[in-house]
Amino acid sequence: MPSVTKLSYFQRIKDSLSIYCHKRVLSLLLLGFSAGLPLMLVFSTLSFWLREAGVDRTAIGYFSWIALVYGFKWAWSPLVDRMSLPLFTRFLGRRRGWMIFAQLTLVLAIIGMSQSDPLVDIDKLALFALMVAFASATQDIVIDAFRIESASEKMQAALAAAYQVGYRSAMIIATAGALTIAAWVEPSSEAYSLESWQTAYLAMAGLMSIGIITTLFSAEPQVEAKEADAKEAELKQKFSQRYPRVLAGALSWLYTASVLPFLDFFKRYGKSALLILLLISTYRISDIVMGVMANVFYVDMGFSKAEIATLSKVYGLIMTLVGAGAGGLLVAKYGTMKTLFLGAFLVATTNLLFAYQAVLGYNVPFLTLAISVDNFSGGVATAAFIAYLSSLTSTGYSATQYALLSSIMLLFPKFVAGFSGAYIDAYDYVSFFIGASLIGFPVLGLIILVQKYVPHTNTVSTEDLAQQKELSS
């Protein structure tokens, strides 16, 4: 009897883990890589490049405002959700057509960045970086819609987990990988080399082919749009009584695509929606504000590109994946809100390690510890946050609503982070990292308020993942 029980136990584990071999899950792993790669190229890696080129910290801080584009992606998400692209949609479908369009734009824009010189034509570099941010944000909108529409609710946890692993891995490649390539190419570690950074960015453009190939070999999801189409037809008929037919059609489409998703969200949550939005807009403020100046800090402390690349690539990636896995287990066992609280606390606290690093100066063992703990904390927090954002969307308007929520997540923190360089120039790194830690603690109070006053939202449980036969059908 014990042997039968033991066999049944291992069979349940096998059934639970086999979901991660599903072709949709593997597709989201690679699409997550395609989504995570461009972000760092206009964020911390670009900051490293600019600082090594001799650009002042205040200008680098303002340069980070390019990433604010991610905070406004909700503005054009209705277009991505409801508008067809000529040729792309015809041959690939609406979701895959938009994905290929965004990915090809990213390749061209990253190549444009690689052919720019921040000391000669920084305006050109800024323009291509802005183009990268816009195309990357568009790709995020489409992939989120693709993820939500590709499988049943019971499969969403596995899709989100795979997406996060791919996304975080790409972020490491775009930082540690880019730094490693630049270090290999540069003729001397003591002098700035434009060619080394151009080569690194060209290599990153080449890696975008992973997303393009995955999109081409993925199946177009079946989008359930009957309710939205019916509402659009009803509005068109109503508007036709007052306006010309063409204008009536445009107004009904605009209302269906842009207004209804937001009305649905506020209708479901009422006044609590404002509290939810406040939590979302501040949850990642601590690590985003700190992240803008992280690589600049490493340069100023005397660490080489090779050292930072090794630490990020080995310890950073491993601890990120461990943290993401731990976050998924914690969400399943203790619920989303408790894990959200733990993640926010860990992220805010780990910034104090970098404050101590600023006191120590050049110290590789302690930086290894700081980066490891920081990446683990970020993995836990991100796993919980993705689960929370996904639970807030409704089936009919998931793409636009998710774009709105994920945009709000970045808008305020990115704005505040733009002043980080000026703050360090006025004070010092120690007070900056302590401040970056302190601004994360009020988020803990918001989580408690949301848990108390906001209606309960459902998340995907681990029991759902065990139903392999249903998921594979």
Protein backbone atom coordinates (compact mmCIF):
# COMPACT_ATOMS: atom_id res chain seq x y z
CA MET A 1 0.00 0.00 0.00
CA PRO A 2 2.74 2.58 0.82
CA SER A 3 4.42 1.87 -2.52
CA VAL A 4 1.14 2.56 -4.35
CA THR A 5 0.74 5.82 -2.45
CA LYS A 6 4.32 6.81 -3.24
CA LEU A 7 3.80 5.98 -6.93
CA SER A 8 0.62 8.05 -6.98
CA TYR A 9 2.45 10.95 -5.35
CA PHE A 10 5.22 10.96 -7.97
CA GLN A 11 2.65 10.59 -10.73
CA ARG A 12 0.90 13.74 -9.51
CA ILE A 13 4.23 15.60 -9.52
CA LYS A 14 4.94 14.34 -13.03
CA ASP A 15 1.49 15.43 -14.24
CA SER A 16 1.95 18.87 -12.68
CA LEU A 17 5.39 19.43 -14.22
CA SER A 18 4.49 18.05 -17.66
CA ILE A 19 2.47 21.19 -18.34
CA TYR A 20 5.74 23.03 -18.88
CA CYS A 21 6.43 20.89 -21.95
CA HIS A 22 3.22 22.03 -23.62
CA LYS A 23 3.93 23.81 -26.91
CA ARG A 24 2.02 26.94 -25.84
CA VAL A 25 4.10 27.19 -22.67
CA LEU A 26 7.33 26.79 -24.63
CA SER A 27 6.15 29.46 -27.09
CA LEU A 28 5.52 31.89 -24.22
CA LEU A 29 9.00 31.14 -22.86
CA LEU A 30 10.57 32.31 -26.13
CA LEU A 31 8.15 35.20 -26.61
CA GLY A 32 8.99 36.30 -23.08
CA PHE A 33 12.63 36.39 -24.15
CA SER A 34 11.70 38.57 -27.13
CA ALA A 35 9.78 40.93 -24.83
CA GLY A 36 12.46 41.23 -22.16
CA LEU A 37 15.42 41.87 -24.46
CA PRO A 38 14.67 45.45 -25.65
CA LEU A 39 13.83 46.86 -22.20
CA MET A 40 17.38 46.85 -20.84
CA LEU A 41 18.75 48.24 -24.11
CA VAL A 42 17.00 51.55 -23.37
CA PHE A 43 17.41 51.27 -19.61
CA SER A 44 20.42 50.12 -17.54
CA THR A 45 22.63 48.91 -20.42
CA LEU A 46 22.20 52.21 -22.22
CA SER A 47 23.01 54.03 -18.96
CA PHE A 48 26.27 52.04 -18.72
CA TRP A 49 27.17 52.91 -22.31
CA LEU A 50 26.43 56.61 -21.82
CA ARG A 51 28.40 56.80 -18.57
CA GLU A 52 31.43 55.06 -20.03
CA ALA A 53 31.27 57.44 -23.00
CA GLY A 54 31.54 60.36 -20.56
CA VAL A 55 27.92 61.57 -20.53
CA ASP A 56 27.14 63.24 -17.18
CA ARG A 57 24.86 61.58 -14.62
CA THR A 58 22.16 64.25 -14.79
CA ALA A 59 21.79 63.74 -18.54
CA ILE A 60 21.68 59.95 -18.06
CA GLY A 61 18.90 60.37 -15.52
CA TYR A 62 16.87 62.44 -17.98
CA PHE A 63 17.67 59.96 -20.75
CA SER A 64 15.89 57.28 -18.71
CA TRP A 65 12.60 59.09 -19.36
CA ILE A 66 12.57 57.36 -22.75
CA ALA A 67 11.35 54.29 -20.87
CA LEU A 68 8.25 56.28 -19.87
CA VAL A 69 6.85 55.11 -23.22
CA TYR A 70 6.08 51.80 -21.49
CA GLY A 71 3.90 53.73 -19.08
CA PHE A 72 1.70 55.07 -21.89
CA LYS A 73 1.15 51.88 -23.88
CA TRP A 74 -2.45 51.78 -22.72
CA ALA A 75 -3.06 54.78 -25.01
CA TRP A 76 -2.63 52.75 -28.21
CA SER A 77 -3.49 49.28 -26.85
CA PRO A 78 -7.08 49.58 -28.19
CA LEU A 79 -5.64 49.96 -31.70
CA VAL A 80 -3.57 46.81 -31.25
CA ASP A 81 -6.58 45.05 -29.78
CA ARG A 82 -9.13 45.90 -32.49
CA MET A 83 -7.31 47.17 -35.61
CA SER A 84 -6.02 44.99 -38.44
CA LEU A 85 -2.70 45.65 -40.18
CA PRO A 86 -2.65 45.40 -43.98
CA LEU A 87 -0.87 42.22 -45.20
CA PHE A 88 0.40 41.31 -41.72
CA THR A 89 -3.10 40.49 -40.41
CA ARG A 90 -4.15 38.90 -43.70
CA PHE A 91 -1.32 36.36 -43.76
CA LEU A 92 -0.59 35.88 -40.05
CA GLY A 93 -3.73 36.86 -38.16
CA ARG A 94 -4.33 39.85 -35.91
CA ARG A 95 -2.13 38.85 -32.95
CA ARG A 96 0.77 37.33 -34.86
CA GLY A 97 0.62 40.09 -37.48
CA TRP A 98 1.07 42.78 -34.83
CA MET A 99 3.83 40.76 -33.16
CA ILE A 100 5.86 40.41 -36.36
CA PHE A 101 5.38 44.09 -37.16
CA ALA A 102 6.64 45.12 -33.71
CA GLN A 103 9.56 42.67 -33.82
CA LEU A 104 10.77 43.80 -37.25
CA THR A 105 10.55 47.43 -36.09
CA LEU A 106 12.62 46.51 -33.04
CA VAL A 107 15.35 44.96 -35.16
CA LEU A 108 15.64 48.09 -37.30
CA ALA A 109 15.57 50.43 -34.29
CA ILE A 110 18.23 48.49 -32.34
CA ILE A 111 20.45 48.48 -35.42
CA GLY A 112 19.90 52.25 -35.58
CA MET A 113 21.07 52.58 -31.96
CA SER A 114 24.14 50.51 -32.78
CA GLN A 115 25.10 52.94 -35.53
CA SER A 116 24.84 56.01 -33.26
CA ASP A 117 27.58 57.76 -31.30
CA PRO A 118 26.48 59.39 -28.02
CA LEU A 119 29.40 61.84 -28.17
CA VAL A 120 28.58 63.05 -31.69
CA ASP A 121 24.89 62.45 -32.37
CA ILE A 122 23.18 61.80 -29.04
CA ASP A 123 19.91 63.11 -30.51
CA LYS A 124 20.01 60.33 -33.12
CA LEU A 125 20.65 57.77 -30.38
CA ALA A 126 17.74 59.14 -28.36
CA LEU A 127 15.43 58.94 -31.39
CA PHE A 128 16.26 55.29 -32.10
CA ALA A 129 16.00 54.47 -28.37
CA LEU A 130 12.53 56.03 -28.36
CA MET A 131 11.65 53.91 -31.39
CA VAL A 132 12.86 50.79 -29.56
CA ALA A 133 10.76 51.65 -26.50
CA PHE A 134 7.62 52.25 -28.59
CA ALA A 135 7.97 49.02 -30.61
CA SER A 136 8.85 47.06 -27.46
CA ALA A 137 5.80 48.38 -25.60
CA THR A 138 3.64 47.43 -28.61
CA GLN A 139 5.10 43.93 -28.60
CA ASP A 140 4.29 43.66 -24.88
CA ILE A 141 0.64 44.53 -25.57
CA VAL A 142 0.32 41.85 -28.23
CA ILE A 143 2.15 39.11 -26.32
CA ASP A 144 0.01 39.73 -23.22
CA ALA A 145 -3.12 39.43 -25.38
CA PHE A 146 -1.67 36.33 -27.08
CA ARG A 147 -0.95 34.75 -23.67
CA ILE A 148 -4.41 35.42 -22.26
CA GLU A 149 -6.20 34.22 -25.40
CA SER A 150 -4.01 31.19 -26.19
CA ALA A 151 -5.31 28.85 -23.51
CA SER A 152 -7.93 28.33 -20.84
CA GLU A 153 -7.76 29.99 -17.46
CA LYS A 154 -6.36 26.79 -15.96
CA MET A 155 -3.26 27.12 -18.12
CA GLN A 156 -2.55 30.79 -17.47
CA ALA A 157 -0.30 30.21 -14.45
CA ALA A 158 2.05 28.01 -16.48
CA LEU A 159 2.04 30.49 -19.37
CA ALA A 160 2.79 33.41 -17.05
CA ALA A 161 5.59 31.48 -15.31
CA ALA A 162 7.22 30.56 -18.63
CA TYR A 163 6.86 34.13 -19.86
CA GLN A 164 8.55 35.50 -16.76
CA VAL A 165 11.48 33.07 -17.00
CA GLY A 166 12.02 34.05 -20.64
CA TYR A 167 11.61 37.74 -19.87
CA ARG A 168 14.00 37.80 -16.94
CA SER A 169 16.55 35.66 -18.81
CA ALA A 170 16.49 38.14 -21.71
CA MET A 171 17.00 41.03 -19.31
CA ILE A 172 20.15 39.33 -18.06
CA ILE A 173 21.32 38.70 -21.63
CA ALA A 174 20.65 42.34 -22.55
CA THR A 175 22.73 43.51 -19.58
CA ALA A 176 25.37 40.89 -18.73
CA GLY A 177 25.46 39.55 -22.29
CA ALA A 178 25.81 42.98 -23.87
CA LEU A 179 28.52 43.96 -21.37
CA THR A 180 30.40 40.72 -22.02
CA ILE A 181 30.34 41.27 -25.79
CA ALA A 182 31.47 44.87 -25.37
CA ALA A 183 34.29 43.73 -23.08
CA TRP A 184 35.44 41.11 -25.58
CA VAL A 185 35.52 43.53 -28.50
CA GLU A 186 37.14 46.55 -26.85
CA PRO A 187 40.90 46.77 -27.55
CA SER A 188 41.69 48.06 -24.05
CA SER A 189 39.77 47.99 -20.77
CA GLU A 190 41.22 51.38 -19.87
CA ALA A 191 39.74 53.37 -22.76
CA TYR A 192 36.21 53.89 -24.07
CA SER A 193 35.50 52.03 -27.32
CA LEU A 194 32.49 52.99 -29.45
CA GLU A 195 32.97 49.92 -31.65
CA SER A 196 32.55 47.55 -28.70
CA TRP A 197 29.13 48.99 -27.84
CA GLN A 198 28.03 49.05 -31.47
CA THR A 199 28.92 45.36 -31.79
CA ALA A 200 27.04 44.52 -28.60
CA TYR A 201 23.86 46.25 -29.83
CA LEU A 202 24.12 44.57 -33.25
CA ALA A 203 24.28 41.21 -31.46
CA MET A 204 21.15 42.11 -29.48
CA ALA A 205 19.36 42.97 -32.74
CA GLY A 206 20.28 39.51 -34.02
CA LEU A 207 18.80 37.86 -30.92
CA MET A 208 15.43 39.37 -31.76
CA SER A 209 15.20 36.66 -34.43
CA ILE A 210 14.20 34.27 -31.61
CA GLY A 211 10.91 36.10 -31.21
CA ILE A 212 10.33 36.37 -34.96
CA ILE A 213 10.84 32.63 -35.54
CA THR A 214 8.64 31.75 -32.55
CA THR A 215 5.84 33.99 -33.82
CA LEU A 216 5.97 32.48 -37.30
CA PHE A 217 5.71 28.92 -35.94
CA SER A 218 3.00 29.70 -33.35
CA ALA A 219 -0.71 29.23 -34.00
CA GLU A 220 -2.98 32.26 -34.06
CA PRO A 221 -5.29 32.20 -31.01
CA GLN A 222 -9.04 32.21 -31.45
CA VAL A 223 -10.18 35.57 -30.11
CA GLU A 224 -13.64 35.69 -28.53
CA ALA A 225 -14.97 39.03 -29.77
CA LYS A 226 -18.68 38.32 -30.19
CA GLU A 227 -19.75 40.54 -27.30
CA ALA A 228 -17.54 43.44 -28.41
CA ASP A 229 -18.63 43.06 -32.03
CA ALA A 230 -22.29 42.98 -31.02
CA LYS A 231 -21.86 46.11 -28.92
CA GLU A 232 -20.04 47.87 -31.77
CA ALA A 233 -22.85 46.97 -34.20
CA GLU A 234 -25.45 48.24 -31.75
CA LEU A 235 -23.62 51.53 -31.28
CA LYS A 236 -23.09 51.92 -35.02
CA GLN A 237 -26.79 51.62 -35.62
CA LYS A 238 -27.50 54.12 -32.87
CA PHE A 239 -24.92 56.64 -34.10
CA SER A 240 -26.11 56.27 -37.69
CA GLN A 241 -29.32 58.04 -36.71
CA ARG A 242 -27.37 61.19 -35.86
CA TYR A 243 -24.14 61.06 -37.89
CA PRO A 244 -22.99 60.05 -41.40
CA ARG A 245 -22.38 56.30 -41.81
CA VAL A 246 -18.55 56.57 -41.93
CA LEU A 247 -18.40 58.74 -38.82
CA ALA A 248 -20.89 56.50 -37.01
CA GLY A 249 -18.70 53.47 -37.74
CA ALA A 250 -15.56 55.23 -36.50
CA LEU A 251 -17.25 56.43 -33.29
CA SER A 252 -18.72 53.01 -32.51
CA TRP A 253 -15.33 51.33 -33.08
CA LEU A 254 -13.51 53.90 -30.93
CA TYR A 255 -16.02 53.57 -28.09
CA THR A 256 -15.88 49.76 -28.15
CA ALA A 257 -12.09 49.60 -28.30
CA SER A 258 -11.19 52.45 -25.96
CA VAL A 259 -14.01 53.14 -23.53
CA LEU A 260 -15.72 49.85 -22.74
CA PRO A 261 -12.62 48.11 -21.27
CA PHE A 262 -12.13 50.94 -18.77
CA LEU A 263 -15.82 51.16 -17.89
CA ASP A 264 -15.85 47.42 -17.24
CA PHE A 265 -12.90 47.68 -14.84
CA PHE A 266 -14.41 50.54 -12.80
CA LYS A 267 -17.84 48.90 -12.84
CA ARG A 268 -16.44 45.72 -11.28
CA TYR A 269 -14.36 47.42 -8.60
CA GLY A 270 -16.16 50.70 -7.99
CA LYS A 271 -14.36 53.12 -5.67
CA SER A 272 -11.86 50.38 -4.82
CA ALA A 273 -10.47 50.74 -8.36
CA LEU A 274 -8.63 53.90 -7.32
CA LEU A 275 -6.94 52.07 -4.45
CA ILE A 276 -5.94 49.26 -6.81
CA LEU A 277 -4.48 51.72 -9.32
CA LEU A 278 -2.53 53.48 -6.56
CA LEU A 279 -0.99 50.18 -5.48
CA ILE A 280 -0.10 49.22 -9.06
CA SER A 281 1.47 52.61 -9.79
CA THR A 282 3.79 52.42 -6.77
CA TYR A 283 4.49 48.71 -6.27
CA ARG A 284 7.80 48.69 -8.17
CA ILE A 285 8.93 52.22 -7.32
CA SER A 286 11.81 51.10 -5.09
CA ASP A 287 13.58 48.82 -7.56
CA ILE A 288 12.89 51.00 -10.63
CA VAL A 289 14.32 54.14 -9.02
CA MET A 290 17.36 52.18 -7.87
CA GLY A 291 17.73 50.37 -11.21
CA VAL A 292 18.30 53.50 -13.31
CA MET A 293 21.57 54.24 -11.52
CA ALA A 294 22.69 50.67 -10.75
CA ASN A 295 25.16 50.31 -13.63
CA VAL A 296 26.27 53.92 -13.28
CA PHE A 297 26.99 53.11 -9.62
CA TYR A 298 29.05 50.05 -10.60
CA VAL A 299 31.15 52.13 -13.00
CA ASP A 300 31.76 54.82 -10.37
CA MET A 301 32.74 52.16 -7.80
CA GLY A 302 35.44 50.88 -10.16
CA PHE A 303 33.91 47.57 -11.28
CA SER A 304 34.74 46.46 -14.83
CA LYS A 305 32.25 45.38 -17.47
CA ALA A 306 33.54 41.82 -17.26
CA GLU A 307 32.99 41.69 -13.49
CA ILE A 308 29.46 43.08 -13.68
CA ALA A 309 28.61 40.79 -16.58
CA THR A 310 29.86 37.72 -14.70
CA LEU A 311 28.01 38.60 -11.51
CA SER A 312 24.76 39.37 -13.33
CA LYS A 313 25.00 36.42 -15.71
CA VAL A 314 25.78 33.76 -13.11
CA TYR A 315 24.39 34.88 -9.77
CA GLY A 316 21.80 37.33 -11.08
CA LEU A 317 20.16 34.92 -13.53
CA ILE A 318 20.21 31.94 -11.18
CA MET A 319 18.75 33.89 -8.28
CA THR A 320 16.13 35.53 -10.51
CA LEU A 321 14.88 32.14 -11.67
CA VAL A 322 15.00 30.78 -8.11
CA GLY A 323 13.07 33.82 -6.91
CA ALA A 324 10.48 33.45 -9.68
CA GLY A 325 9.99 29.78 -8.82
CA ALA A 326 9.73 30.58 -5.12
CA GLY A 327 7.24 33.34 -5.89
CA GLY A 328 5.05 30.94 -7.86
CA LEU A 329 5.07 28.40 -5.02
CA LEU A 330 4.32 31.09 -2.44
CA VAL A 331 1.38 32.41 -4.49
CA ALA A 332 -0.03 28.89 -4.76
CA LYS A 333 0.41 28.13 -1.04
CA TYR A 334 -0.28 31.46 0.67
CA GLY A 335 -2.16 33.51 -1.91
CA THR A 336 -1.32 36.49 -4.08
CA MET A 337 -1.64 39.32 -1.57
CA LYS A 338 0.62 37.80 1.09
CA THR A 339 3.27 37.11 -1.53
CA LEU A 340 2.86 40.65 -2.90
CA PHE A 341 3.57 41.97 0.60
CA LEU A 342 6.65 39.77 1.02
CA GLY A 343 7.98 40.75 -2.42
CA ALA A 344 7.57 44.47 -1.76
CA PHE A 345 9.30 44.14 1.62
CA LEU A 346 12.23 42.19 0.17
CA VAL A 347 12.75 44.60 -2.74
CA ALA A 348 12.72 47.67 -0.51
CA THR A 349 15.04 46.10 2.06
CA THR A 350 17.65 44.88 -0.43
CA ASN A 351 18.39 48.45 -1.55
CA LEU A 352 20.07 48.95 1.81
CA LEU A 353 22.70 46.42 0.72
CA PHE A 354 23.72 48.78 -2.09
CA ALA A 355 23.92 51.66 0.38
CA TYR A 356 26.45 49.61 2.34
CA GLN A 357 28.23 48.76 -0.92
CA ALA A 358 28.64 52.50 -1.52
CA VAL A 359 30.35 52.73 1.88
CA LEU A 360 32.63 49.75 1.14
CA GLY A 361 33.48 50.86 -2.38
CA TYR A 362 35.10 48.26 -4.63
CA ASN A 363 34.31 44.88 -3.04
CA VAL A 364 33.42 41.97 -5.35
CA PRO A 365 32.26 39.43 -2.69
CA PHE A 366 29.77 41.85 -1.16
CA LEU A 367 28.48 42.98 -4.57
CA THR A 368 27.93 39.30 -5.41
CA LEU A 369 25.77 38.99 -2.31
CA ALA A 370 23.89 42.22 -3.03
CA ILE A 371 23.12 41.30 -6.66
CA SER A 372 22.07 37.76 -5.69
CA VAL A 373 19.67 38.91 -2.96
CA ASP A 374 18.34 41.74 -5.13
CA ASN A 375 17.55 39.40 -8.05
CA PHE A 376 15.92 36.81 -5.80
CA SER A 377 13.71 39.49 -4.28
CA GLY A 378 12.80 40.83 -7.72
CA GLY A 379 11.84 37.32 -8.87
CA VAL A 380 9.47 36.81 -5.94
CA ALA A 381 7.89 40.25 -6.34
CA THR A 382 7.44 39.95 -10.10
CA ALA A 383 5.84 36.49 -9.90
CA ALA A 384 3.28 37.75 -7.42
CA PHE A 385 2.67 40.97 -9.34
CA ILE A 386 2.00 39.23 -12.67
CA ALA A 387 -0.47 36.90 -10.93
CA TYR A 388 -2.18 39.91 -9.35
CA LEU A 389 -2.44 41.93 -12.57
CA SER A 390 -3.80 38.93 -14.48
CA SER A 391 -6.47 38.37 -11.83
CA LEU A 392 -7.76 41.93 -12.28
CA THR A 393 -8.68 41.60 -15.97
CA SER A 394 -11.99 40.36 -17.34
CA THR A 395 -12.27 37.94 -20.24
CA GLY A 396 -13.82 40.27 -22.77
CA TYR A 397 -11.28 43.08 -22.41
CA SER A 398 -8.17 41.38 -21.08
CA ALA A 399 -5.68 42.77 -23.61
CA THR A 400 -6.54 46.46 -23.19
CA GLN A 401 -7.04 46.18 -19.43
CA TYR A 402 -3.73 44.38 -18.93
CA ALA A 403 -1.97 47.01 -21.03
CA LEU A 404 -3.52 49.74 -18.88
CA LEU A 405 -2.51 48.09 -15.62
CA SER A 406 1.04 47.23 -16.70
CA SER A 407 1.49 50.76 -18.06
CA ILE A 408 0.40 52.34 -14.80
CA MET A 409 2.94 50.12 -13.04
CA LEU A 410 5.81 51.99 -14.75
CA LEU A 411 4.54 55.54 -15.24
CA PHE A 412 5.10 57.14 -11.83
CA PRO A 413 8.26 55.17 -10.87
CA LYS A 414 9.94 56.01 -14.19
CA PHE A 415 9.13 59.69 -13.75
CA VAL A 416 10.63 59.74 -10.25
CA ALA A 417 13.66 57.75 -11.46
CA GLY A 418 14.46 60.49 -13.98
CA PHE A 419 15.66 62.70 -11.11
CA SER A 420 17.95 60.03 -9.66
CA GLY A 421 21.11 61.32 -11.36
CA ALA A 422 20.50 64.88 -10.20
CA TYR A 423 19.86 63.60 -6.66
CA ILE A 424 23.16 61.69 -6.55
CA ASP A 425 25.06 64.70 -7.90
CA ALA A 426 23.52 66.85 -5.16
CA TYR A 427 24.04 64.32 -2.34
CA ASP A 428 25.70 60.87 -2.63
CA TYR A 429 25.07 57.21 -3.40
CA VAL A 430 24.53 56.20 0.25
CA SER A 431 21.62 58.59 0.80
CA PHE A 432 20.23 57.70 -2.67
CA PHE A 433 20.00 53.97 -1.93
CA ILE A 434 18.60 54.59 1.55
CA GLY A 435 15.97 56.87 -0.01
CA ALA A 436 15.20 54.26 -2.69
CA SER A 437 14.60 51.78 0.12
CA LEU A 438 12.40 54.07 2.21
CA ILE A 439 10.04 54.98 -0.64
CA GLY A 440 9.20 51.29 -1.00
CA PHE A 441 7.79 50.81 2.51
CA PRO A 442 4.52 52.80 2.10
CA VAL A 443 3.60 50.21 -0.55
CA LEU A 444 3.23 47.67 2.27
CA GLY A 445 0.44 49.78 3.78
CA LEU A 446 -1.32 49.97 0.41
CA ILE A 447 -1.24 46.18 0.09
CA ILE A 448 -2.89 45.84 3.50
CA LEU A 449 -5.60 48.35 2.50
CA VAL A 450 -6.27 46.60 -0.81
CA GLN A 451 -6.50 43.23 0.90
CA LYS A 452 -8.99 44.67 3.39
CA TYR A 453 -11.25 46.78 1.19
CA VAL A 454 -11.04 45.42 -2.37
CA PRO A 455 -13.32 42.52 -3.42
CA HIS A 456 -11.55 39.16 -3.62
CA THR A 457 -10.12 38.21 -7.02
CA ASN A 458 -9.48 34.68 -8.17
CA THR A 459 -6.07 33.40 -9.20
CA VAL A 460 -5.04 30.15 -10.85
CA SER A 461 -4.21 27.42 -8.37
CA THR A 462 -1.64 24.65 -8.61
CA GLU A 463 -4.43 22.08 -8.58
CA ASP A 464 -5.52 23.40 -11.95
CA LEU A 465 -2.06 22.76 -13.37
CA ALA A 466 -2.27 19.06 -12.52
CA GLN A 467 -5.12 18.50 -14.96
CA GLN A 468 -2.83 17.70 -17.86
CA LYS A 469 -5.32 15.85 -20.00
CA GLU A 470 -7.72 18.76 -20.06
CA LEU A 471 -4.98 21.27 -20.76
CA SER A 472 -3.53 19.27 -23.62
CA SER A 473 -6.85 18.86 -25.39
